[in-house]
C-alpha atoms as a PDB file:
ATOM      1  CA  MET A   1    -109.884  83.077 -91.303  1.00  0.00           C
ATOM      2  CA  ALA A   2    -108.828  84.880 -94.447  1.00  0.00           C
ATOM      3  CA  ALA A   3    -106.017  83.232 -96.405  1.00  0.00           C
ATOM      4  CA  ASP A   4    -104.068  86.491 -96.545  1.00  0.00           C
ATOM      5  CA  ILE A   5    -103.317  86.574 -92.783  1.00  0.00           C
ATOM      6  CA  LYS A   6     -99.779  85.292 -92.178  1.00  0.00           C
ATOM      7  CA  ASN A   7     -99.977  85.009 -88.386  1.00  0.00           C
ATOM      8  CA  GLU A   8    -103.529  83.998 -87.508  1.00  0.00           C
ATOM      9  CA  GLU A   9    -102.783  83.544 -83.799  1.00  0.00           C
ATOM     10  CA  GLN A  10    -101.450  87.090 -83.515  1.00  0.00           C
ATOM     11  CA  TYR A  11    -104.360  88.404 -85.590  1.00  0.00           C
ATOM     12  CA  GLU A  12    -106.907  86.790 -83.259  1.00  0.00           C
ATOM     13  CA  ALA A  13    -105.112  88.066 -80.151  1.00  0.00           C
ATOM     14  CA  LEU A  14    -105.150  91.611 -81.526  1.00  0.00           C
ATOM     15  CA  ARG A  15    -108.842  91.369 -82.420  1.00  0.00           C
ATOM     16  CA  GLU A  16    -109.592  90.216 -78.857  1.00  0.00           C
ATOM     17  CA  LYS A  17    -107.778  93.317 -77.573  1.00  0.00           C
ATOM     18  CA  GLY A  18    -110.123  95.455 -79.651  1.00  0.00           C
ATOM     19  CA  TYR A  19    -107.956  96.280 -82.655  1.00  0.00           C
ATOM     20  CA  SER A  20    -109.764  96.765 -85.971  1.00  0.00           C
ATOM     21  CA  LYS A  21    -109.634  94.014 -88.600  1.00  0.00           C
ATOM     22  CA  GLU A  22    -107.428  96.195 -90.795  1.00  0.00           C
ATOM     23  CA  LYS A  23    -104.944  97.091 -88.055  1.00  0.00           C
ATOM     24  CA  SER A  24    -104.809  93.500 -86.789  1.00  0.00           C
ATOM     25  CA  ALA A  25    -104.146  92.190 -90.294  1.00  0.00           C
ATOM     26  CA  GLY A  26    -101.475  94.807 -90.911  1.00  0.00           C
ATOM     27  CA  ILE A  27     -99.607  93.900 -87.735  1.00  0.00           C
ATOM     28  CA  ALA A  28    -100.049  90.135 -88.185  1.00  0.00           C
ATOM     29  CA  ASN A  29     -98.701  90.366 -91.750  1.00  0.00           C
ATOM     30  CA  THR A  30     -95.614  92.375 -90.801  1.00  0.00           C
ATOM     31  CA  PRO A  31     -92.410  90.308 -90.835  1.00  0.00           C
ATOM     32  CA  ASP A  32     -90.972  89.963 -87.317  1.00  0.00           C
ATOM     33  CA  ALA A  33     -93.972  91.778 -85.777  1.00  0.00           C
ATOM     34  CA  GLY A  34     -93.859  91.649 -82.014  1.00  0.00           C
ATOM     35  CA  LYS A  35     -90.145  91.037 -81.773  1.00  0.00           C
ATOM     36  CA  LYS A  36     -88.070  93.468 -79.785  1.00  0.00           C
ATOM     37  CA  GLY A  37     -86.315  96.009 -81.937  1.00  0.00           C
ATOM     38  CA  GLY A  38     -83.905  98.805 -81.291  1.00  0.00           C
ATOM     39  CA  LYS A  39     -80.248  98.455 -80.678  1.00  0.00           C
ATOM     40  CA  ALA A  40     -79.720 101.733 -78.853  1.00  0.00           C
ATOM     41  CA  LYS A  41     -77.067 101.875 -76.169  1.00  0.00           C
ATOM     42  CA  THR A  42     -78.188 102.137 -72.588  1.00  0.00           C
ATOM     43  CA  TYR A  43     -77.730 105.523 -70.954  1.00  0.00           C
ATOM     44  CA  GLU A  44     -74.818 104.102 -68.951  1.00  0.00           C
ATOM     45  CA  GLU A  45     -73.014 103.114 -72.175  1.00  0.00           C
ATOM     46  CA  ARG A  46     -73.309 106.613 -73.644  1.00  0.00           C
ATOM     47  CA  THR A  47     -70.892 109.485 -73.150  1.00  0.00           C
ATOM     48  CA  LYS A  48     -71.739 112.455 -70.965  1.00  0.00           C
ATOM     49  CA  GLU A  49     -71.672 114.618 -74.091  1.00  0.00           C
ATOM     50  CA  ASN A  50     -74.201 112.373 -75.813  1.00  0.00           C
ATOM     51  CA  LEU A  51     -76.465 112.441 -72.744  1.00  0.00           C
ATOM     52  CA  TYR A  52     -76.160 116.226 -72.608  1.00  0.00           C
ATOM     53  CA  GLU A  53     -77.238 116.511 -76.254  1.00  0.00           C
ATOM     54  CA  GLN A  54     -80.229 114.250 -75.596  1.00  0.00           C
ATOM     55  CA  ALA A  55     -81.145 116.344 -72.539  1.00  0.00           C
ATOM     56  CA  LYS A  56     -80.868 119.464 -74.690  1.00  0.00           C
ATOM     57  CA  LYS A  57     -83.263 117.982 -77.280  1.00  0.00           C
ATOM     58  CA  VAL A  58     -85.913 117.372 -74.621  1.00  0.00           C
ATOM     59  CA  ASP A  59     -85.203 120.699 -72.898  1.00  0.00           C
ATOM     60  CA  ILE A  60     -84.132 119.471 -69.460  1.00  0.00           C
ATOM     61  CA  GLU A  61     -83.424 122.476 -67.271  1.00  0.00           C
ATOM     62  CA  GLY A  62     -80.098 122.673 -65.420  1.00  0.00           C
ATOM     63  CA  ARG A  63     -78.441 120.143 -67.716  1.00  0.00           C
ATOM     64  CA  SER A  64     -75.223 122.155 -68.058  1.00  0.00           C
ATOM     65  CA  LYS A  65     -74.506 121.705 -64.346  1.00  0.00           C
ATOM     66  CA  MET A  66     -75.340 117.979 -64.236  1.00  0.00           C
ATOM     67  CA  ASN A  67     -72.859 115.134 -64.099  1.00  0.00           C
ATOM     68  CA  LYS A  68     -73.400 111.929 -66.078  1.00  0.00           C
ATOM     69  CA  SER A  69     -75.480 110.139 -63.434  1.00  0.00           C
ATOM     70  CA  GLU A  70     -77.667 113.214 -62.941  1.00  0.00           C
ATOM     71  CA  LEU A  71     -78.241 113.461 -66.699  1.00  0.00           C
ATOM     72  CA  ILE A  72     -79.254 109.790 -66.776  1.00  0.00           C
ATOM     73  CA  GLU A  73     -81.706 110.292 -63.918  1.00  0.00           C
ATOM     74  CA  ALA A  74     -83.172 113.412 -65.532  1.00  0.00           C
ATOM     75  CA  LEU A  75     -83.604 111.670 -68.896  1.00  0.00           C
ATOM     76  CA  ARG A  76     -85.277 108.663 -67.296  1.00  0.00           C
ATOM     77  CA  ASN A  77     -87.686 110.873 -65.364  1.00  0.00           C
ATOM     78  CA  ASN A  78     -88.517 113.109 -68.292  1.00  0.00           C
END
């Protein structure tokens, strides 16, 4: 294996999945690659107003008449 691959095990696993050498090397050399990211609040932790704005961004019809739980369901099914 090339000396410039930082995570050879991850590189080999990606190659077995069919990734190109370049893409596999790029991912395997990324610090913290494969670790879960994102610290966004769950829908239940958000305000109704925040959920409404998110529903507006993705153009969910009938959002103005929805309560919080309906907005959550609509966003999850979008």
